[in-house]
mmCIF file of all heavy atoms, coordinates in Angstrom:
data_MODEL
# 
_entry.id   MODEL 
# 
loop_
_atom_site.group_PDB 
_atom_site.id 
_atom_site.type_symbol 
_atom_site.label_atom_id 
_atom_site.label_alt_id 
_atom_site.label_comp_id 
_atom_site.label_asym_id 
_atom_site.label_entity_id 
_atom_site.label_seq_id 
_atom_site.pdbx_PDB_ins_code 
_atom_site.Cartn_x 
_atom_site.Cartn_y 
_atom_site.Cartn_z 
_atom_site.occupancy 
_atom_site.B_iso_or_equiv 
_atom_site.pdbx_formal_charge 
_atom_site.auth_seq_id 
_atom_site.auth_comp_id 
_atom_site.auth_asym_id 
_atom_site.auth_atom_id 
_atom_site.pdbx_PDB_model_num 
ATOM 1   N N   . ARG A 1 1  ? 17.205 -24.884 -11.131 1.00 0.00 ? 1  ARG A N   1 
ATOM 2   C CA  . ARG A 1 1  ? 16.418 -25.183 -12.340 1.00 0.00 ? 1  ARG A CA  1 
ATOM 3   C C   . ARG A 1 1  ? 15.181 -24.300 -12.380 1.00 0.00 ? 1  ARG A C   1 
ATOM 4   O O   . ARG A 1 1  ? 14.842 -23.733 -13.427 1.00 0.00 ? 1  ARG A O   1 
ATOM 5   C CB  . ARG A 1 1  ? 15.994 -26.660 -12.346 1.00 0.00 ? 1  ARG A CB  1 
ATOM 6   C CG  . ARG A 1 1  ? 15.217 -27.062 -13.614 1.00 0.00 ? 1  ARG A CG  1 
ATOM 7   C CD  . ARG A 1 1  ? 14.360 -28.295 -13.396 1.00 0.00 ? 1  ARG A CD  1 
ATOM 8   N NE  . ARG A 1 1  ? 13.335 -28.071 -12.388 1.00 0.00 ? 1  ARG A NE  1 
ATOM 9   C CZ  . ARG A 1 1  ? 12.209 -27.388 -12.607 1.00 0.00 ? 1  ARG A CZ  1 
ATOM 10  N NH1 . ARG A 1 1  ? 11.971 -26.861 -13.796 1.00 0.00 ? 1  ARG A NH1 1 
ATOM 11  N NH2 . ARG A 1 1  ? 11.326 -27.235 -11.644 1.00 0.00 ? 1  ARG A NH2 1 
ATOM 12  N N   . TRP A 1 2  ? 14.509 -24.162 -11.238 1.00 0.00 ? 2  TRP A N   1 
ATOM 13  C CA  . TRP A 1 2  ? 13.316 -23.317 -11.158 1.00 0.00 ? 2  TRP A CA  1 
ATOM 14  C C   . TRP A 1 2  ? 13.648 -21.876 -11.547 1.00 0.00 ? 2  TRP A C   1 
ATOM 15  O O   . TRP A 1 2  ? 12.901 -21.237 -12.289 1.00 0.00 ? 2  TRP A O   1 
ATOM 16  C CB  . TRP A 1 2  ? 12.745 -23.363 -9.744  1.00 0.00 ? 2  TRP A CB  1 
ATOM 17  C CG  . TRP A 1 2  ? 11.567 -22.450 -9.555  1.00 0.00 ? 2  TRP A CG  1 
ATOM 18  C CD1 . TRP A 1 2  ? 10.260 -22.727 -9.818  1.00 0.00 ? 2  TRP A CD1 1 
ATOM 19  C CD2 . TRP A 1 2  ? 11.605 -21.083 -9.096  1.00 0.00 ? 2  TRP A CD2 1 
ATOM 20  N NE1 . TRP A 1 2  ? 9.472  -21.617 -9.542  1.00 0.00 ? 2  TRP A NE1 1 
ATOM 21  C CE2 . TRP A 1 2  ? 10.274 -20.604 -9.099  1.00 0.00 ? 2  TRP A CE2 1 
ATOM 22  C CE3 . TRP A 1 2  ? 12.624 -20.244 -8.676  1.00 0.00 ? 2  TRP A CE3 1 
ATOM 23  C CZ2 . TRP A 1 2  ? 9.947  -19.308 -8.704  1.00 0.00 ? 2  TRP A CZ2 1 
ATOM 24  C CZ3 . TRP A 1 2  ? 12.309 -18.952 -8.286  1.00 0.00 ? 2  TRP A CZ3 1 
ATOM 25  C CH2 . TRP A 1 2  ? 10.978 -18.495 -8.295  1.00 0.00 ? 2  TRP A CH2 1 
ATOM 26  N N   . ALA A 1 3  ? 14.766 -21.364 -11.044 1.00 0.00 ? 3  ALA A N   1 
ATOM 27  C CA  . ALA A 1 3  ? 15.154 -19.981 -11.359 1.00 0.00 ? 3  ALA A CA  1 
ATOM 28  C C   . ALA A 1 3  ? 15.415 -19.800 -12.851 1.00 0.00 ? 3  ALA A C   1 
ATOM 29  O O   . ALA A 1 3  ? 15.085 -18.766 -13.424 1.00 0.00 ? 3  ALA A O   1 
ATOM 30  C CB  . ALA A 1 3  ? 16.392 -19.593 -10.546 1.00 0.00 ? 3  ALA A CB  1 
ATOM 31  N N   . ARG A 1 4  ? 16.000 -20.803 -13.479 1.00 0.00 ? 4  ARG A N   1 
ATOM 32  C CA  . ARG A 1 4  ? 16.285 -20.722 -14.917 1.00 0.00 ? 4  ARG A CA  1 
ATOM 33  C C   . ARG A 1 4  ? 15.013 -20.751 -15.742 1.00 0.00 ? 4  ARG A C   1 
ATOM 34  O O   . ARG A 1 4  ? 14.945 -20.134 -16.808 1.00 0.00 ? 4  ARG A O   1 
ATOM 35  C CB  . ARG A 1 4  ? 17.190 -21.881 -15.358 1.00 0.00 ? 4  ARG A CB  1 
ATOM 36  C CG  . ARG A 1 4  ? 18.628 -21.787 -14.915 1.00 0.00 ? 4  ARG A CG  1 
ATOM 37  C CD  . ARG A 1 4  ? 19.481 -22.797 -15.660 1.00 0.00 ? 4  ARG A CD  1 
ATOM 38  N NE  . ARG A 1 4  ? 18.998 -24.156 -15.513 1.00 0.00 ? 4  ARG A NE  1 
ATOM 39  C CZ  . ARG A 1 4  ? 19.344 -24.989 -14.538 1.00 0.00 ? 4  ARG A CZ  1 
ATOM 40  N NH1 . ARG A 1 4  ? 20.181 -24.570 -13.593 1.00 0.00 ? 4  ARG A NH1 1 
ATOM 41  N NH2 . ARG A 1 4  ? 18.876 -26.216 -14.483 1.00 0.00 ? 4  ARG A NH2 1 
ATOM 42  N N   . GLU A 1 5  ? 13.994 -21.454 -15.256 1.00 0.00 ? 5  GLU A N   1 
ATOM 43  C CA  . GLU A 1 5  ? 12.810 -21.706 -16.060 1.00 0.00 ? 5  GLU A CA  1 
ATOM 44  C C   . GLU A 1 5  ? 11.608 -20.845 -15.705 1.00 0.00 ? 5  GLU A C   1 
ATOM 45  O O   . GLU A 1 5  ? 10.591 -20.889 -16.405 1.00 0.00 ? 5  GLU A O   1 
ATOM 46  C CB  . GLU A 1 5  ? 12.421 -23.192 -15.951 1.00 0.00 ? 5  GLU A CB  1 
ATOM 47  C CG  . GLU A 1 5  ? 13.493 -24.123 -16.502 1.00 0.00 ? 5  GLU A CG  1 
ATOM 48  C CD  . GLU A 1 5  ? 13.120 -25.592 -16.363 1.00 0.00 ? 5  GLU A CD  1 
ATOM 49  O OE1 . GLU A 1 5  ? 11.987 -25.869 -15.886 1.00 0.00 ? 5  GLU A OE1 1 
ATOM 50  O OE2 . GLU A 1 5  ? 13.952 -26.449 -16.735 1.00 0.00 ? 5  GLU A OE2 1 
ATOM 51  N N   . ASN A 1 6  ? 11.704 -20.056 -14.639 1.00 0.00 ? 6  ASN A N   1 
ATOM 52  C CA  . ASN A 1 6  ? 10.562 -19.232 -14.257 1.00 0.00 ? 6  ASN A CA  1 
ATOM 53  C C   . ASN A 1 6  ? 10.484 -18.000 -15.157 1.00 0.00 ? 6  ASN A C   1 
ATOM 54  O O   . ASN A 1 6  ? 11.382 -17.146 -15.151 1.00 0.00 ? 6  ASN A O   1 
ATOM 55  C CB  . ASN A 1 6  ? 10.675 -18.813 -12.785 1.00 0.00 ? 6  ASN A CB  1 
ATOM 56  C CG  . ASN A 1 6  ? 9.454  -18.039 -12.328 1.00 0.00 ? 6  ASN A CG  1 
ATOM 57  O OD1 . ASN A 1 6  ? 9.383  -16.823 -12.483 1.00 0.00 ? 6  ASN A OD1 1 
ATOM 58  N ND2 . ASN A 1 6  ? 8.490  -18.755 -11.766 1.00 0.00 ? 6  ASN A ND2 1 
ATOM 59  N N   . ASP A 1 7  ? 9.409  -17.889 -15.914 1.00 0.00 ? 7  ASP A N   1 
ATOM 60  C CA  . ASP A 1 7  ? 9.284  -16.824 -16.915 1.00 0.00 ? 7  ASP A CA  1 
ATOM 61  C C   . ASP A 1 7  ? 9.264  -15.431 -16.287 1.00 0.00 ? 7  ASP A C   1 
ATOM 62  O O   . ASP A 1 7  ? 9.853  -14.486 -16.832 1.00 0.00 ? 7  ASP A O   1 
ATOM 63  C CB  . ASP A 1 7  ? 8.010  -17.030 -17.742 1.00 0.00 ? 7  ASP A CB  1 
ATOM 64  C CG  . ASP A 1 7  ? 8.103  -18.239 -18.660 1.00 0.00 ? 7  ASP A CG  1 
ATOM 65  O OD1 . ASP A 1 7  ? 9.244  -18.656 -18.963 1.00 0.00 ? 7  ASP A OD1 1 
ATOM 66  O OD2 . ASP A 1 7  ? 7.055  -18.760 -19.067 1.00 0.00 ? 7  ASP A OD2 1 
ATOM 67  N N   . LEU A 1 8  ? 8.593  -15.272 -15.160 1.00 0.00 ? 8  LEU A N   1 
ATOM 68  C CA  . LEU A 1 8  ? 8.470  -13.957 -14.545 1.00 0.00 ? 8  LEU A CA  1 
ATOM 69  C C   . LEU A 1 8  ? 9.797  -13.489 -13.955 1.00 0.00 ? 8  LEU A C   1 
ATOM 70  O O   . LEU A 1 8  ? 10.163 -12.306 -14.069 1.00 0.00 ? 8  LEU A O   1 
ATOM 71  C CB  . LEU A 1 8  ? 7.384  -13.981 -13.462 1.00 0.00 ? 8  LEU A CB  1 
ATOM 72  C CG  . LEU A 1 8  ? 5.971  -14.237 -13.989 1.00 0.00 ? 8  LEU A CG  1 
ATOM 73  C CD1 . LEU A 1 8  ? 5.008  -14.535 -12.835 1.00 0.00 ? 8  LEU A CD1 1 
ATOM 74  C CD2 . LEU A 1 8  ? 5.463  -13.039 -14.795 1.00 0.00 ? 8  LEU A CD2 1 
ATOM 75  N N   . LEU A 1 9  ? 10.518 -14.405 -13.342 1.00 0.00 ? 9  LEU A N   1 
ATOM 76  C CA  . LEU A 1 9  ? 11.841 -14.079 -12.815 1.00 0.00 ? 9  LEU A CA  1 
ATOM 77  C C   . LEU A 1 9  ? 12.792 -13.737 -13.954 1.00 0.00 ? 9  LEU A C   1 
ATOM 78  O O   . LEU A 1 9  ? 13.532 -12.739 -13.894 1.00 0.00 ? 9  LEU A O   1 
ATOM 79  C CB  . LEU A 1 9  ? 12.385 -15.259 -12.001 1.00 0.00 ? 9  LEU A CB  1 
ATOM 80  C CG  . LEU A 1 9  ? 13.796 -15.127 -11.438 1.00 0.00 ? 9  LEU A CG  1 
ATOM 81  C CD1 . LEU A 1 9  ? 13.904 -13.938 -10.497 1.00 0.00 ? 9  LEU A CD1 1 
ATOM 82  C CD2 . LEU A 1 9  ? 14.192 -16.424 -10.717 1.00 0.00 ? 9  LEU A CD2 1 
ATOM 83  N N   . GLN A 1 10 ? 12.768 -14.543 -14.996 1.00 0.00 ? 10 GLN A N   1 
ATOM 84  C CA  . GLN A 1 10 ? 13.631 -14.294 -16.145 1.00 0.00 ? 10 GLN A CA  1 
ATOM 85  C C   . GLN A 1 10 ? 13.263 -12.975 -16.829 1.00 0.00 ? 10 GLN A C   1 
ATOM 86  O O   . GLN A 1 10 ? 14.138 -12.251 -17.310 1.00 0.00 ? 10 GLN A O   1 
ATOM 87  C CB  . GLN A 1 10 ? 13.518 -15.452 -17.139 1.00 0.00 ? 10 GLN A CB  1 
ATOM 88  C CG  . GLN A 1 10 ? 14.147 -16.754 -16.665 1.00 0.00 ? 10 GLN A CG  1 
ATOM 89  C CD  . GLN A 1 10 ? 15.664 -16.675 -16.598 1.00 0.00 ? 10 GLN A CD  1 
ATOM 90  O OE1 . GLN A 1 10 ? 16.305 -16.065 -17.454 1.00 0.00 ? 10 GLN A OE1 1 
ATOM 91  N NE2 . GLN A 1 10 ? 16.245 -17.293 -15.572 1.00 0.00 ? 10 GLN A NE2 1 
ATOM 92  N N   . ASN A 1 11 ? 11.972 -12.649 -16.843 1.00 0.00 ? 11 ASN A N   1 
ATOM 93  C CA  . ASN A 1 11 ? 11.535 -11.431 -17.509 1.00 0.00 ? 11 ASN A CA  1 
ATOM 94  C C   . ASN A 1 11 ? 12.062 -10.181 -16.811 1.00 0.00 ? 11 ASN A C   1 
ATOM 95  O O   . ASN A 1 11 ? 12.533 -9.241  -17.466 1.00 0.00 ? 11 ASN A O   1 
ATOM 96  C CB  . ASN A 1 11 ? 10.003 -11.387 -17.568 1.00 0.00 ? 11 ASN A CB  1 
ATOM 97  C CG  . ASN A 1 11 ? 9.494  -10.237 -18.420 1.00 0.00 ? 11 ASN A CG  1 
ATOM 98  O OD1 . ASN A 1 11 ? 9.987  -10.002 -19.527 1.00 0.00 ? 11 ASN A OD1 1 
ATOM 99  N ND2 . ASN A 1 11 ? 8.515  -9.501  -17.912 1.00 0.00 ? 11 ASN A ND2 1 
ATOM 100 N N   . LYS A 1 12 ? 11.994 -10.149 -15.479 1.00 0.00 ? 12 LYS A N   1 
ATOM 101 C CA  . LYS A 1 12 ? 12.485 -8.941  -14.807 1.00 0.00 ? 12 LYS A CA  1 
ATOM 102 C C   . LYS A 1 12 ? 14.001 -8.822  -14.938 1.00 0.00 ? 12 LYS A C   1 
ATOM 103 O O   . LYS A 1 12 ? 14.520 -7.711  -15.085 1.00 0.00 ? 12 LYS A O   1 
ATOM 104 C CB  . LYS A 1 12 ? 12.055 -8.888  -13.345 1.00 0.00 ? 12 LYS A CB  1 
ATOM 105 C CG  . LYS A 1 12 ? 12.599 -9.932  -12.402 1.00 0.00 ? 12 LYS A CG  1 
ATOM 106 C CD  . LYS A 1 12 ? 12.093 -9.601  -10.987 1.00 0.00 ? 12 LYS A CD  1 
ATOM 107 C CE  . LYS A 1 12 ? 12.323 -10.740 -10.021 1.00 0.00 ? 12 LYS A CE  1 
ATOM 108 N NZ  . LYS A 1 12 ? 11.834 -10.396 -8.649  1.00 0.00 ? 12 LYS A NZ  1 
ATOM 109 N N   . ALA A 1 13 ? 14.703 -9.943  -14.950 1.00 0.00 ? 13 ALA A N   1 
ATOM 110 C CA  . ALA A 1 13 ? 16.143 -9.890  -15.177 1.00 0.00 ? 13 ALA A CA  1 
ATOM 111 C C   . ALA A 1 13 ? 16.439 -9.396  -16.591 1.00 0.00 ? 13 ALA A C   1 
ATOM 112 O O   . ALA A 1 13 ? 17.360 -8.604  -16.810 1.00 0.00 ? 13 ALA A O   1 
ATOM 113 C CB  . ALA A 1 13 ? 16.757 -11.273 -14.958 1.00 0.00 ? 13 ALA A CB  1 
ATOM 114 N N   . ARG A 1 14 ? 15.641 -9.842  -17.546 1.00 0.00 ? 14 ARG A N   1 
ATOM 115 C CA  . ARG A 1 14 ? 15.830 -9.457  -18.945 1.00 0.00 ? 14 ARG A CA  1 
ATOM 116 C C   . ARG A 1 14 ? 15.585 -7.963  -19.141 1.00 0.00 ? 14 ARG A C   1 
ATOM 117 O O   . ARG A 1 14 ? 16.333 -7.288  -19.865 1.00 0.00 ? 14 ARG A O   1 
ATOM 118 C CB  . ARG A 1 14 ? 14.894 -10.277 -19.824 1.00 0.00 ? 14 ARG A CB  1 
ATOM 119 C CG  . ARG A 1 14 ? 15.193 -10.222 -21.315 1.00 0.00 ? 14 ARG A CG  1 
ATOM 120 C CD  . ARG A 1 14 ? 14.291 -11.177 -22.078 1.00 0.00 ? 14 ARG A CD  1 
ATOM 121 N NE  . ARG A 1 14 ? 14.516 -12.571 -21.682 1.00 0.00 ? 14 ARG A NE  1 
ATOM 122 C CZ  . ARG A 1 14 ? 13.634 -13.313 -21.021 1.00 0.00 ? 14 ARG A CZ  1 
ATOM 123 N NH1 . ARG A 1 14 ? 12.461 -12.820 -20.675 1.00 0.00 ? 14 ARG A NH1 1 
ATOM 124 N NH2 . ARG A 1 14 ? 13.911 -14.565 -20.698 1.00 0.00 ? 14 ARG A NH2 1 
ATOM 125 N N   . ILE A 1 15 ? 14.559 -7.431  -18.499 1.00 0.00 ? 15 ILE A N   1 
ATOM 126 C CA  . ILE A 1 15 ? 14.245 -5.999  -18.616 1.00 0.00 ? 15 ILE A CA  1 
ATOM 127 C C   . ILE A 1 15 ? 15.403 -5.154  -18.105 1.00 0.00 ? 15 ILE A C   1 
ATOM 128 O O   . ILE A 1 15 ? 15.844 -4.194  -18.751 1.00 0.00 ? 15 ILE A O   1 
ATOM 129 C CB  . ILE A 1 15 ? 12.962 -5.658  -17.828 1.00 0.00 ? 15 ILE A CB  1 
ATOM 130 C CG1 . ILE A 1 15 ? 11.739 -6.307  -18.488 1.00 0.00 ? 15 ILE A CG1 1 
ATOM 131 C CG2 . ILE A 1 15 ? 12.764 -4.144  -17.739 1.00 0.00 ? 15 ILE A CG2 1 
ATOM 132 C CD1 . ILE A 1 15 ? 10.474 -6.227  -17.649 1.00 0.00 ? 15 ILE A CD1 1 
ATOM 133 N N   . ILE A 1 16 ? 15.921 -5.520  -16.933 1.00 0.00 ? 16 ILE A N   1 
ATOM 134 C CA  . ILE A 1 16 ? 17.027 -4.767  -16.340 1.00 0.00 ? 16 ILE A CA  1 
ATOM 135 C C   . ILE A 1 16 ? 18.298 -4.919  -17.171 1.00 0.00 ? 16 ILE A C   1 
ATOM 136 O O   . ILE A 1 16 ? 19.004 -3.937  -17.459 1.00 0.00 ? 16 ILE A O   1 
ATOM 137 C CB  . ILE A 1 16 ? 17.280 -5.236  -14.892 1.00 0.00 ? 16 ILE A CB  1 
ATOM 138 C CG1 . ILE A 1 16 ? 16.071 -4.913  -13.993 1.00 0.00 ? 16 ILE A CG1 1 
ATOM 139 C CG2 . ILE A 1 16 ? 18.545 -4.598  -14.328 1.00 0.00 ? 16 ILE A CG2 1 
ATOM 140 C CD1 . ILE A 1 16 ? 15.792 -3.443  -13.812 1.00 0.00 ? 16 ILE A CD1 1 
ATOM 141 N N   . ASP A 1 17 ? 18.592 -6.134  -17.586 1.00 0.00 ? 17 ASP A N   1 
ATOM 142 C CA  . ASP A 1 17 ? 19.837 -6.386  -18.313 1.00 0.00 ? 17 ASP A CA  1 
ATOM 143 C C   . ASP A 1 17 ? 19.847 -5.701  -19.667 1.00 0.00 ? 17 ASP A C   1 
ATOM 144 O O   . ASP A 1 17 ? 20.900 -5.251  -20.146 1.00 0.00 ? 17 ASP A O   1 
ATOM 145 C CB  . ASP A 1 17 ? 20.053 -7.895  -18.480 1.00 0.00 ? 17 ASP A CB  1 
ATOM 146 C CG  . ASP A 1 17 ? 21.478 -8.228  -18.889 1.00 0.00 ? 17 ASP A CG  1 
ATOM 147 O OD1 . ASP A 1 17 ? 22.412 -7.560  -18.401 1.00 0.00 ? 17 ASP A OD1 1 
ATOM 148 O OD2 . ASP A 1 17 ? 21.663 -9.151  -19.705 1.00 0.00 ? 17 ASP A OD2 1 
ATOM 149 N N   . GLU A 1 18 ? 18.684 -5.598  -20.304 1.00 0.00 ? 18 GLU A N   1 
ATOM 150 C CA  . GLU A 1 18 ? 18.598 -4.911  -21.601 1.00 0.00 ? 18 GLU A CA  1 
ATOM 151 C C   . GLU A 1 18 ? 18.999 -3.448  -21.445 1.00 0.00 ? 18 GLU A C   1 
ATOM 152 O O   . GLU A 1 18 ? 19.689 -2.885  -22.307 1.00 0.00 ? 18 GLU A O   1 
ATOM 153 C CB  . GLU A 1 18 ? 17.180 -5.027  -22.165 1.00 0.00 ? 18 GLU A CB  1 
ATOM 154 C CG  . GLU A 1 18 ? 17.016 -4.467  -23.561 1.00 0.00 ? 18 GLU A CG  1 
ATOM 155 C CD  . GLU A 1 18 ? 17.718 -5.288  -24.638 1.00 0.00 ? 18 GLU A CD  1 
ATOM 156 O OE1 . GLU A 1 18 ? 18.106 -6.445  -24.352 1.00 0.00 ? 18 GLU A OE1 1 
ATOM 157 O OE2 . GLU A 1 18 ? 17.876 -4.760  -25.761 1.00 0.00 ? 18 GLU A OE2 1 
ATOM 158 N N   . ILE A 1 19 ? 18.572 -2.831  -20.349 1.00 0.00 ? 19 ILE A N   1 
ATOM 159 C CA  . ILE A 1 19 ? 18.952 -1.437  -20.097 1.00 0.00 ? 19 ILE A CA  1 
ATOM 160 C C   . ILE A 1 19 ? 20.444 -1.349  -19.816 1.00 0.00 ? 19 ILE A C   1 
ATOM 161 O O   . ILE A 1 19 ? 21.120 -0.414  -20.274 1.00 0.00 ? 19 ILE A O   1 
ATOM 162 C CB  . ILE A 1 19 ? 18.132 -0.855  -18.935 1.00 0.00 ? 19 ILE A CB  1 
ATOM 163 C CG1 . ILE A 1 19 ? 16.647 -0.830  -19.308 1.00 0.00 ? 19 ILE A CG1 1 
ATOM 164 C CG2 . ILE A 1 19 ? 18.619 0.558   -18.573 1.00 0.00 ? 19 ILE A CG2 1 
ATOM 165 C CD1 . ILE A 1 19 ? 15.723 -0.479  -18.163 1.00 0.00 ? 19 ILE A CD1 1 
ATOM 166 N N   . TYR A 1 20 ? 20.983 -2.297  -19.070 1.00 0.00 ? 20 TYR A N   1 
ATOM 167 C CA  . TYR A 1 20 ? 22.423 -2.304  -18.810 1.00 0.00 ? 20 TYR A CA  1 
ATOM 168 C C   . TYR A 1 20 ? 23.219 -2.371  -20.121 1.00 0.00 ? 20 TYR A C   1 
ATOM 169 O O   . TYR A 1 20 ? 24.294 -1.789  -20.244 1.00 0.00 ? 20 TYR A O   1 
ATOM 170 C CB  . TYR A 1 20 ? 22.802 -3.494  -17.926 1.00 0.00 ? 20 TYR A CB  1 
ATOM 171 C CG  . TYR A 1 20 ? 22.447 -3.341  -16.461 1.00 0.00 ? 20 TYR A CG  1 
ATOM 172 C CD1 . TYR A 1 20 ? 22.257 -4.459  -15.653 1.00 0.00 ? 20 TYR A CD1 1 
ATOM 173 C CD2 . TYR A 1 20 ? 22.309 -2.084  -15.874 1.00 0.00 ? 20 TYR A CD2 1 
ATOM 174 C CE1 . TYR A 1 20 ? 21.948 -4.331  -14.310 1.00 0.00 ? 20 TYR A CE1 1 
ATOM 175 C CE2 . TYR A 1 20 ? 21.995 -1.952  -14.532 1.00 0.00 ? 20 TYR A CE2 1 
ATOM 176 C CZ  . TYR A 1 20 ? 21.815 -3.079  -13.754 1.00 0.00 ? 20 TYR A CZ  1 
ATOM 177 O OH  . TYR A 1 20 ? 21.515 -2.945  -12.421 1.00 0.00 ? 20 TYR A OH  1 
ATOM 178 N N   . LYS A 1 21 ? 22.678 -3.079  -21.091 1.00 0.00 ? 21 LYS A N   1 
ATOM 179 C CA  . LYS A 1 21 ? 23.398 -3.295  -22.346 1.00 0.00 ? 21 LYS A CA  1 
ATOM 180 C C   . LYS A 1 21 ? 23.299 -2.112  -23.306 1.00 0.00 ? 21 LYS A C   1 
ATOM 181 O O   . LYS A 1 21 ? 24.284 -1.773  -23.974 1.00 0.00 ? 21 LYS A O   1 
ATOM 182 C CB  . LYS A 1 21 ? 22.875 -4.561  -23.033 1.00 0.00 ? 21 LYS A CB  1 
ATOM 183 C CG  . LYS A 1 21 ? 23.272 -5.855  -22.328 1.00 0.00 ? 21 LYS A CG  1 
ATOM 184 C CD  . LYS A 1 21 ? 22.657 -7.065  -23.015 1.00 0.00 ? 21 LYS A CD  1 
ATOM 185 C CE  . LYS A 1 21 ? 23.084 -8.365  -22.333 1.00 0.00 ? 21 LYS A CE  1 
ATOM 186 N NZ  . LYS A 1 21 ? 22.416 -9.550  -22.929 1.00 0.00 ? 21 LYS A NZ  1 
ATOM 187 N N   . ILE A 1 22 ? 22.130 -1.482  -23.406 1.00 0.00 ? 22 ILE A N   1 
ATOM 188 C CA  . ILE A 1 22 ? 21.947 -0.456  -24.445 1.00 0.00 ? 22 ILE A CA  1 
ATOM 189 C C   . ILE A 1 22 ? 21.455 0.883   -23.897 1.00 0.00 ? 22 ILE A C   1 
ATOM 190 O O   . ILE A 1 22 ? 21.280 1.833   -24.658 1.00 0.00 ? 22 ILE A O   1 
ATOM 191 C CB  . ILE A 1 22 ? 20.968 -0.939  -25.542 1.00 0.00 ? 22 ILE A CB  1 
ATOM 192 C CG1 . ILE A 1 22 ? 19.562 -1.130  -24.970 1.00 0.00 ? 22 ILE A CG1 1 
ATOM 193 C CG2 . ILE A 1 22 ? 21.469 -2.225  -26.186 1.00 0.00 ? 22 ILE A CG2 1 
ATOM 194 C CD1 . ILE A 1 22 ? 18.500 -1.429  -26.022 1.00 0.00 ? 22 ILE A CD1 1 
ATOM 195 N N   . GLY A 1 23 ? 21.226 0.986   -22.595 1.00 0.00 ? 23 GLY A N   1 
ATOM 196 C CA  . GLY A 1 23 ? 20.682 2.210   -22.030 1.00 0.00 ? 23 GLY A CA  1 
ATOM 197 C C   . GLY A 1 23 ? 21.708 3.327   -21.923 1.00 0.00 ? 23 GLY A C   1 
ATOM 198 O O   . GLY A 1 23 ? 22.919 3.104   -22.017 1.00 0.00 ? 23 GLY A O   1 
ATOM 199 N N   . THR A 1 24 ? 21.212 4.537   -21.710 1.00 0.00 ? 24 THR A N   1 
ATOM 200 C CA  . THR A 1 24 ? 22.091 5.678   -21.450 1.00 0.00 ? 24 THR A CA  1 
ATOM 201 C C   . THR A 1 24 ? 22.628 5.579   -20.022 1.00 0.00 ? 24 THR A C   1 
ATOM 202 O O   . THR A 1 24 ? 22.185 4.734   -19.229 1.00 0.00 ? 24 THR A O   1 
ATOM 203 C CB  . THR A 1 24 ? 21.320 6.993   -21.608 1.00 0.00 ? 24 THR A CB  1 
ATOM 204 O OG1 . THR A 1 24 ? 20.310 7.075   -20.576 1.00 0.00 ? 24 THR A OG1 1 
ATOM 205 C CG2 . THR A 1 24 ? 20.657 7.086   -22.969 1.00 0.00 ? 24 THR A CG2 1 
ATOM 206 N N   . ALA A 1 25 ? 23.551 6.465   -19.682 1.00 0.00 ? 25 ALA A N   1 
ATOM 207 C CA  . ALA A 1 25 ? 24.116 6.467   -18.332 1.00 0.00 ? 25 ALA A CA  1 
ATOM 208 C C   . ALA A 1 25 ? 23.026 6.656   -17.280 1.00 0.00 ? 25 ALA A C   1 
ATOM 209 O O   . ALA A 1 25 ? 23.007 5.970   -16.247 1.00 0.00 ? 25 ALA A O   1 
ATOM 210 C CB  . ALA A 1 25 ? 25.170 7.567   -18.208 1.00 0.00 ? 25 ALA A CB  1 
ATOM 211 N N   . LEU A 1 26 ? 22.112 7.569   -17.528 1.00 0.00 ? 26 LEU A N   1 
ATOM 212 C CA  . LEU A 1 26 ? 21.025 7.810   -16.579 1.00 0.00 ? 26 LEU A CA  1 
ATOM 213 C C   . LEU A 1 26 ? 20.075 6.620   -16.493 1.00 0.00 ? 26 LEU A C   1 
ATOM 214 O O   . LEU A 1 26 ? 19.637 6.234   -15.408 1.00 0.00 ? 26 LEU A O   1 
ATOM 215 C CB  . LEU A 1 26 ? 20.245 9.063   -16.976 1.00 0.00 ? 26 LEU A CB  1 
ATOM 216 C CG  . LEU A 1 26 ? 20.856 10.414  -16.586 1.00 0.00 ? 26 LEU A CG  1 
ATOM 217 C CD1 . LEU A 1 26 ? 19.999 11.553  -17.139 1.00 0.00 ? 26 LEU A CD1 1 
ATOM 218 C CD2 . LEU A 1 26 ? 20.985 10.548  -15.083 1.00 0.00 ? 26 LEU A CD2 1 
ATOM 219 N N   . GLU A 1 27 ? 19.753 6.034   -17.640 1.00 0.00 ? 27 GLU A N   1 
ATOM 220 C CA  . GLU A 1 27 ? 18.844 4.883   -17.648 1.00 0.00 ? 27 GLU A CA  1 
ATOM 221 C C   . GLU A 1 27 ? 19.431 3.705   -16.891 1.00 0.00 ? 27 GLU A C   1 
ATOM 222 O O   . GLU A 1 27 ? 18.722 3.007   -16.152 1.00 0.00 ? 27 GLU A O   1 
ATOM 223 C CB  . GLU A 1 27 ? 18.530 4.494   -19.094 1.00 0.00 ? 27 GLU A CB  1 
ATOM 224 C CG  . GLU A 1 27 ? 17.636 5.503   -19.815 1.00 0.00 ? 27 GLU A CG  1 
ATOM 225 C CD  . GLU A 1 27 ? 17.501 5.236   -21.295 1.00 0.00 ? 27 GLU A CD  1 
ATOM 226 O OE1 . GLU A 1 27 ? 18.284 4.427   -21.838 1.00 0.00 ? 27 GLU A OE1 1 
ATOM 227 O OE2 . GLU A 1 27 ? 16.624 5.847   -21.928 1.00 0.00 ? 27 GLU A OE2 1 
# 
């Protein structure tokens, strides 16, 4: 539950995942 609700943990996952979804091969 803590992992799901921690904003800072979720934010770094979100930053990385956004690049995985729309980034270039190098990114």
